[in-house]
Protein backbone atom coordinates (compact mmCIF):
# COMPACT_ATOMS: atom_id res chain seq x y z
CA MET A 1 -38.82 -126.61 23.83
CA GLY A 2 -42.29 -127.81 24.60
CA ILE A 3 -42.96 -131.61 24.28
CA ASP A 4 -40.45 -132.72 20.99
CA TYR A 5 -37.25 -131.75 23.45
CA GLN A 6 -37.94 -134.84 25.66
CA SER A 7 -39.80 -137.30 23.74
CA GLY A 8 -37.34 -138.19 20.23
CA ALA A 9 -37.42 -142.19 21.80
CA ILE A 10 -40.87 -142.26 20.88
CA TYR A 11 -40.10 -142.21 17.27
CA ILE A 12 -36.29 -143.55 16.75
CA PHE A 13 -36.54 -146.81 17.92
CA LEU A 14 -39.95 -147.31 15.76
CA SER A 15 -37.76 -145.74 12.70
CA PHE A 16 -35.27 -148.14 12.89
CA TYR A 17 -36.90 -151.31 13.60
CA ARG A 18 -40.23 -149.92 11.56
CA PRO A 19 -41.07 -152.51 54.27
CA GLN A 20 -42.67 -149.55 52.67
CA SER A 21 -45.36 -149.78 50.45
CA ARG A 22 -45.17 -149.68 46.61
CA LEU A 23 -45.65 -146.33 44.52
CA PRO A 24 -47.46 -147.29 41.56
CA TRP A 25 -44.55 -145.94 39.68
CA GLN A 26 -42.59 -148.26 40.95
CA LEU A 27 -44.39 -151.65 39.88
CA PHE A 28 -43.71 -151.54 36.55
CA PHE A 29 -40.74 -153.58 36.89
CA ILE A 30 -40.69 -154.49 40.16
CA PHE A 31 -42.07 -158.45 39.77
CA ALA A 32 -39.02 -158.66 37.41
CA VAL A 33 -36.57 -157.51 39.59
CA LYS A 34 -37.72 -159.90 42.41
CA LYS A 35 -37.79 -162.66 40.49
CA MET A 36 -34.12 -161.77 39.45
CA ASP A 37 -33.27 -160.88 42.82
CA THR A 38 -33.90 -164.16 44.89
CA ALA A 39 -30.85 -164.70 46.34
CA ALA A 40 -31.03 -164.94 49.88
CA SER A 41 -26.95 -163.67 50.65
CA PRO A 42 -25.96 -160.25 49.16
CA SER A 43 -22.83 -161.32 47.93
CA PRO A 44 -23.01 -161.61 44.07
CA PRO A 45 -21.40 -164.21 41.94
CA ARG A 46 -18.17 -163.52 40.60
CA LEU A 47 -17.85 -164.02 36.90
CA ILE A 48 -14.52 -164.27 35.44
CA TRP A 49 -16.70 -162.85 32.05
CA ASN A 50 -18.40 -160.08 33.29
CA HIS A 51 -16.28 -157.54 32.20
CA PRO A 52 -17.59 -154.42 31.62
CA ILE A 53 -16.96 -154.51 27.70
CA TYR A 54 -18.53 -157.86 27.28
CA VAL A 55 -21.78 -156.55 29.47
CA LEU A 56 -22.06 -153.32 27.06
CA LEU A 57 -21.80 -155.78 24.00
CA VAL A 58 -24.50 -158.02 25.29
CA LEU A 59 -26.71 -155.17 26.10
CA PHE A 60 -26.63 -153.57 22.36
CA GLY A 61 -27.11 -157.06 21.14
CA ALA A 62 -30.26 -157.41 23.63
CA VAL A 63 -31.52 -153.58 22.40
CA ALA A 64 -31.54 -155.16 18.85
CA VAL A 65 -32.74 -158.15 19.28
CA CYS A 66 -35.58 -156.88 21.68
CA GLY A 67 -36.30 -153.78 19.58
CA LEU A 68 -37.20 -156.34 16.59
CA LEU A 69 -39.57 -158.17 18.70
CA GLY A 70 -41.22 -155.31 19.72
CA ARG A 71 -41.09 -154.05 16.22
CA LEU A 72 -43.18 -157.56 15.41
CA LEU A 73 -45.08 -157.05 17.88
CA GLY A 74 -46.11 -153.75 17.04
CA GLU A 75 -46.99 -154.58 13.45
CA GLY A 76 -49.63 -157.23 15.23
CA ILE A 77 -51.04 -154.57 17.27
CA ALA A 78 -51.03 -152.18 14.01
CA GLY A 79 -53.09 -154.81 11.93
CA LEU A 80 -55.64 -155.27 14.79
CA TRP A 81 -56.75 -151.79 14.21
CA GLY A 82 -56.83 -152.73 10.30
CA SER A 83 -53.73 -150.40 9.61
CA SER A 84 -49.62 -151.07 9.38
CA LEU A 85 -46.44 -149.78 10.74
CA THR A 86 -45.59 -148.19 7.48
CA GLU A 87 -48.93 -146.24 7.65
CA LEU A 88 -48.87 -145.35 10.81
CA LEU A 89 -45.03 -143.84 10.64
CA SER A 90 -45.64 -142.45 7.22
CA GLU A 91 -44.08 -139.06 7.24
CA GLY A 92 -46.10 -136.00 6.31
CA ARG A 93 -49.29 -137.58 7.94
CA THR A 94 -51.65 -134.63 9.48
CA SER A 95 -55.13 -136.28 10.40
CA TRP A 96 -54.68 -139.14 12.97
CA SER A 97 -58.18 -140.78 14.30
CA ALA A 98 -58.99 -141.96 17.75
CA THR A 99 -58.29 -145.23 16.95
CA ASP A 100 -54.74 -144.56 14.95
CA ARG A 101 -53.88 -142.51 18.03
CA LEU A 102 -54.72 -145.51 20.54
CA ALA A 103 -52.65 -147.98 17.93
CA LEU A 104 -49.65 -145.60 17.54
CA ARG A 105 -49.47 -145.25 21.50
CA LEU A 106 -50.09 -148.93 22.15
CA LEU A 107 -47.18 -149.49 19.39
CA ASN A 108 -44.86 -147.06 21.00
CA ILE A 109 -45.26 -148.72 24.50
CA ALA A 110 -44.44 -152.34 22.98
CA VAL A 111 -41.11 -151.23 21.15
CA HIS A 112 -40.14 -149.34 24.06
CA PHE A 113 -40.80 -151.69 26.50
CA PHE A 114 -38.99 -154.25 24.59
CA THR A 115 -35.82 -152.32 23.55
CA PHE A 116 -35.22 -150.60 27.07
CA SER A 117 -36.33 -151.95 29.78
CA LEU A 118 -36.71 -155.97 28.83
CA ALA A 119 -33.36 -155.61 26.97
CA SER A 120 -31.92 -154.35 30.42
CA LEU A 121 -33.34 -156.53 32.77
CA LEU A 122 -31.96 -159.62 30.14
CA THR A 123 -28.57 -158.50 30.23
CA ILE A 124 -28.39 -158.25 34.13
CA ARG A 125 -30.32 -161.70 34.24
CA ILE A 126 -27.57 -162.93 32.26
CA PHE A 127 -24.56 -161.35 34.37
CA TYR A 128 -25.69 -161.22 37.74
CA PRO A 129 -28.22 -164.12 37.99
CA GLY A 130 -30.13 -163.63 41.46
CA HIS A 131 -28.97 -160.13 42.31
CA GLY A 132 -31.16 -157.88 39.59
CA GLY A 133 -32.35 -155.47 43.00
CA LEU A 134 -28.78 -155.43 44.42
CA TYR A 135 -27.52 -154.25 41.02
CA PHE A 136 -29.83 -151.76 40.16
CA ARG A 137 -29.66 -150.60 43.50
CA VAL A 138 -33.85 -150.62 44.03
CA ARG A 139 -34.13 -152.92 46.98
CA GLU A 140 -35.00 -149.66 49.39
CA LEU A 141 -36.83 -146.66 48.38
CA PRO A 142 -35.77 -143.20 48.99
CA SER A 143 -36.29 -141.16 52.04
CA ALA A 144 -39.07 -138.29 51.34
CA ARG A 145 -36.37 -135.70 51.81
CA GLU A 146 -34.20 -137.30 48.70
CA THR A 147 -37.19 -137.57 46.99
CA GLY A 148 -38.51 -134.08 47.47
CA LEU A 149 -34.92 -132.74 46.65
CA SER A 150 -34.68 -134.63 43.38
CA ILE A 151 -38.11 -133.55 41.92
CA LEU A 152 -37.18 -129.82 42.93
CA LEU A 153 -33.41 -130.65 41.49
CA LEU A 154 -35.30 -131.14 37.89
CA LEU A 155 -37.92 -128.36 38.27
CA MET A 156 -34.79 -125.96 38.37
CA ALA A 157 -32.58 -127.64 35.76
CA TYR A 158 -35.79 -127.12 33.11
CA PRO A 159 -35.21 -123.05 33.11
CA VAL A 160 -31.48 -123.99 32.44
CA ALA A 161 -32.36 -126.88 29.96
CA GLN A 162 -34.28 -124.03 28.49
CA ALA A 163 -31.69 -121.32 28.10
CA VAL A 164 -29.44 -124.42 26.46
CA TYR A 165 -32.18 -125.61 24.27
CA TRP A 166 -32.30 -121.84 23.08
CA LEU A 167 -28.60 -121.51 22.46
CA ASN A 168 -28.70 -125.00 20.65
CA LYS A 169 -31.18 -123.22 18.23
CA GLN A 170 -29.00 -120.90 17.32
CA LEU A 171 -26.63 -123.47 15.95
CA PRO A 172 -27.13 -123.80 11.78
CA LEU A 173 -27.88 -128.01 11.69
CA PRO A 174 -27.39 -129.75 7.76
CA HIS A 175 -30.52 -130.95 6.46
CA TRP A 176 -29.36 -134.58 7.45
CA LEU A 177 -29.36 -133.79 10.78
CA SER A 178 -32.79 -131.94 11.25
CA ARG A 179 -34.76 -134.04 8.87
CA PRO A 180 -34.89 -137.11 11.96
CA GLU A 181 -36.51 -134.21 13.99
CA GLU A 182 -38.89 -133.16 11.47
CA GLY A 183 -39.99 -136.65 10.82
CA GLN A 184 -40.64 -136.81 14.70
CA ARG A 185 -43.00 -133.93 15.09
CA GLY A 186 -46.14 -135.38 13.64
CA ILE A 187 -46.05 -138.74 15.47
CA ILE A 188 -45.52 -136.78 18.71
CA GLU A 189 -48.47 -134.73 17.98
CA ALA A 190 -50.85 -137.53 17.47
CA ILE A 191 -49.38 -139.22 20.74
CA LEU A 192 -50.46 -136.07 22.65
CA GLN A 193 -53.73 -135.13 20.99
CA MET A 194 -55.75 -136.14 24.11
CA ASP A 195 -59.86 -135.24 23.80
CA ASN A 196 -60.46 -137.04 27.18
CA ALA A 197 -59.13 -138.40 30.35
CA GLY A 198 -58.30 -141.98 28.98
CA GLU A 199 -56.54 -140.55 26.16
CA PHE A 200 -54.54 -138.70 28.52
CA ALA A 201 -53.66 -141.54 30.91
CA LEU A 202 -52.51 -143.58 28.06
CA ALA A 203 -50.50 -140.72 26.67
CA PHE A 204 -48.81 -140.06 30.38
CA VAL A 205 -47.96 -143.72 30.22
CA THR A 206 -46.05 -143.69 26.48
CA VAL A 207 -44.52 -140.61 27.08
CA ALA A 208 -43.56 -140.51 30.93
CA LEU A 209 -43.94 -143.68 32.39
CA ILE A 210 -42.28 -146.17 30.30
CA PRO A 211 -39.50 -144.10 28.99
CA ALA A 212 -38.43 -143.07 32.58
CA VAL A 213 -38.69 -146.55 33.71
CA GLY A 214 -36.75 -147.89 30.42
CA GLU A 215 -34.36 -145.51 30.01
CA GLU A 216 -33.08 -144.96 33.33
CA LEU A 217 -32.61 -148.97 33.45
CA LEU A 218 -30.83 -149.08 30.58
CA PHE A 219 -28.62 -145.76 31.11
CA ARG A 220 -28.22 -145.27 34.40
CA GLY A 221 -28.56 -148.93 35.42
CA VAL A 222 -26.33 -150.69 33.02
CA VAL A 223 -24.70 -147.89 30.38
CA GLN A 224 -23.23 -145.75 33.45
CA GLN A 225 -22.62 -148.37 35.73
CA GLN A 226 -20.44 -150.55 33.55
CA LEU A 227 -18.68 -147.46 32.01
CA GLU A 228 -17.84 -146.65 35.65
CA ARG A 229 -16.88 -150.36 36.58
CA TRP A 230 -14.51 -150.04 33.41
CA GLN A 231 -12.52 -146.71 33.81
CA ARG A 232 -13.07 -146.35 37.57
CA ARG A 233 -13.77 -142.60 36.63
CA PRO A 234 -17.44 -141.79 37.85
CA GLN A 235 -17.27 -138.26 36.06
CA LEU A 236 -16.36 -140.01 32.61
CA ALA A 237 -19.24 -142.41 32.92
CA ILE A 238 -21.75 -139.80 33.73
CA TRP A 239 -20.83 -137.66 30.67
CA LEU A 240 -20.07 -140.41 27.96
CA THR A 241 -23.88 -141.93 29.31
CA ALA A 242 -25.53 -138.64 28.96
CA LEU A 243 -23.77 -138.39 25.22
CA PHE A 244 -25.14 -141.60 24.65
CA PHE A 245 -28.90 -140.53 26.10
CA SER A 246 -29.05 -137.54 23.79
CA ALA A 247 -27.64 -138.98 20.88
CA MET A 248 -29.93 -141.94 21.20
CA HIS A 249 -33.05 -139.57 20.91
CA MET A 250 -31.91 -138.31 17.04
CA GLN A 251 -33.48 -134.64 18.17
CA PHE A 252 -30.38 -131.94 17.33
CA GLU A 253 -32.05 -129.05 17.91
CA GLY A 254 -32.00 -130.19 21.58
CA PHE A 255 -28.81 -132.18 21.50
CA PHE A 256 -27.17 -130.27 24.43
CA ALA A 257 -30.12 -129.47 26.87
CA ARG A 258 -30.94 -133.11 26.80
CA LEU A 259 -27.15 -133.63 27.13
CA LEU A 260 -27.64 -131.60 30.60
CA LEU A 261 -30.73 -133.51 31.28
CA GLY A 262 -29.14 -136.70 31.15
CA ALA A 263 -26.01 -135.81 33.26
CA VAL A 264 -28.22 -134.66 36.11
CA LEU A 265 -30.08 -138.00 36.08
CA GLY A 266 -26.63 -139.13 36.16
CA TYR A 267 -25.09 -137.43 38.97
CA LEU A 268 -28.34 -137.73 40.78
CA TYR A 269 -27.59 -141.80 40.28
CA HIS A 270 -24.13 -141.12 41.59
CA TRP A 271 -24.81 -139.34 44.49
CA ARG A 272 -27.40 -141.21 46.52
CA GLY A 273 -27.11 -144.57 44.83
CA ASN A 274 -30.66 -145.58 44.32
CA LEU A 275 -32.25 -146.15 40.73
CA TRP A 276 -35.79 -145.07 42.30
CA LEU A 277 -34.74 -141.46 42.01
CA PRO A 278 -33.48 -140.64 38.58
CA ILE A 279 -36.47 -142.58 37.49
CA LEU A 280 -38.77 -140.61 39.31
CA GLY A 281 -36.64 -137.15 38.02
CA HIS A 282 -37.59 -138.51 34.91
CA LEU A 283 -41.06 -139.16 35.30
CA CYS A 284 -41.79 -135.75 36.37
CA PHE A 285 -39.75 -133.95 33.80
CA ASN A 286 -41.89 -135.61 30.98
CA GLY A 287 -45.03 -135.90 32.85
CA LEU A 288 -44.96 -132.13 33.76
CA GLN A 289 -45.01 -131.39 29.90
CA VAL A 290 -47.98 -133.98 29.14
CA VAL A 291 -50.18 -132.83 31.83
CA ALA A 292 -49.68 -129.34 30.40
CA LYS A 293 -50.18 -130.11 27.52
CA TYR A 294 -53.51 -131.53 28.55
CA LEU A 295 -54.89 -129.00 31.08
CA LEU A 296 -53.79 -126.05 28.79
CA PRO A 297 -53.75 -126.77 24.81
CA ALA A 298 -54.49 -123.54 24.09
CA ALA A 299 -51.48 -122.11 25.61
CA PHE A 300 -49.41 -124.88 25.05
CA ALA A 301 -49.97 -124.38 20.94
CA GLU A 302 -49.58 -121.13 21.06
CA ALA A 303 -46.28 -121.59 22.56
CA GLU A 304 -45.16 -124.08 20.12
CA GLY A 305 -46.44 -122.14 17.05
CA HIS A 306 -44.04 -119.35 17.92
CA ALA A 307 -40.57 -119.09 17.46
CA VAL A 308 -38.45 -119.96 20.50
CA GLU A 309 -37.62 -116.92 22.20
CA ALA A 310 -34.34 -115.85 24.30
CA PRO A 311 -34.84 -117.31 28.48
CA ASN A 312 -35.61 -114.53 30.97
CA GLY A 313 -31.82 -114.18 32.32
CA TRP A 314 -33.01 -113.58 35.67
CA ILE A 315 -34.96 -116.69 35.94
CA VAL A 316 -32.15 -118.50 34.75
CA ILE A 317 -29.80 -117.53 37.03
CA THR A 318 -32.48 -117.94 39.98
CA ALA A 319 -32.67 -120.98 38.87
CA THR A 320 -29.01 -121.80 38.46
CA VAL A 321 -28.54 -120.66 41.99
CA ILE A 322 -31.07 -122.78 43.85
CA PHE A 323 -30.16 -126.00 41.31
CA VAL A 324 -26.25 -125.65 42.59
CA LEU A 325 -27.78 -125.39 46.25
CA ILE A 326 -29.49 -128.51 46.10
CA ALA A 327 -27.18 -130.29 44.27
CA GLN A 328 -24.63 -129.68 46.86
CA LYS A 329 -27.07 -131.04 49.37
CA LEU A 330 -27.91 -134.05 47.46
CA ALA A 331 -23.90 -134.64 47.05
CA ASP A 332 -23.02 -134.16 50.43
CA ASN A 333 -22.68 -137.55 52.31
CA ARG A 334 -23.33 -139.48 49.52
CA GLN A 335 -24.55 -142.53 50.08
CA GLN A 336 -22.19 -145.80 49.31
CA PRO A 337 -24.23 -148.44 47.75
CA THR A 338 -23.23 -152.02 47.81
CA LYS A 339 -21.14 -153.07 45.17
CA VAL A 340 -22.26 -155.83 42.90
CA ASP A 341 -18.60 -156.77 42.09
CA GLU A 342 -15.26 -154.65 41.67
């Protein structure tokens, strides 16, 4: 499945818009949340007009506006290196200089941050002023046990997702569905071409950290919560959000595998009531692929050069059993987070 499986967001939005210590991955948006979470009372405001439909409509509008702003910023970034957005994102390009790769990563960071993180934070700022931390459920850090089980859950989900990906690859796709994925490959390969530790660090931020924070803020933090408020059916909210999550990546060869990943992250949020856990799980899932590409480039290239093979059945069965056992532990004694509204 390789890095293509999880990194579609790198391309799609660029195409459309042409009392514990804080851990590093938490510092990304903690300042913004603190600014949103300044009220002394935990009781949130009751707004007549904060129906879930209104929240989702404003979110989608914010995504469009912020994505456009991110694209304009990206144009400026490309211009600093004497290039253009069109040139950087041109299909069929096979050669990328170190300068082009730097510009491409910074461009992706800008667009992704504006489209996902900023749009989500602004939406919740509008509807839940002063209660961002309470709404997103990031006031408390997860326990070491929760963190370890969550990471292990995502690791066990990987072989299962690989099996689903292989099955997905057996389905014939019309050209209009496979073409967007073909256009992404060159850009993803350029972002993941890492000749030194500095490039590795920036690629990790681009592919793992920024998407983990931004996509979990938007999909689990806003979309899933609002769908659950609207329908009062958590299972439906989890799977609909996972469907949107997978479709957004525009990589249909891995659609069902990504749907499964989105559902796992959604259940993790539902069971434990803490957004840090799906963020960390998402970060590990993406980050391990970046680390593997950097530390084992030859093996990674060889794997990508071969057709996707049928997975080992015993590995899939073993991972599935362990996955179910861990999921059961996380689902037991499910945390009941403080409700921002009814």
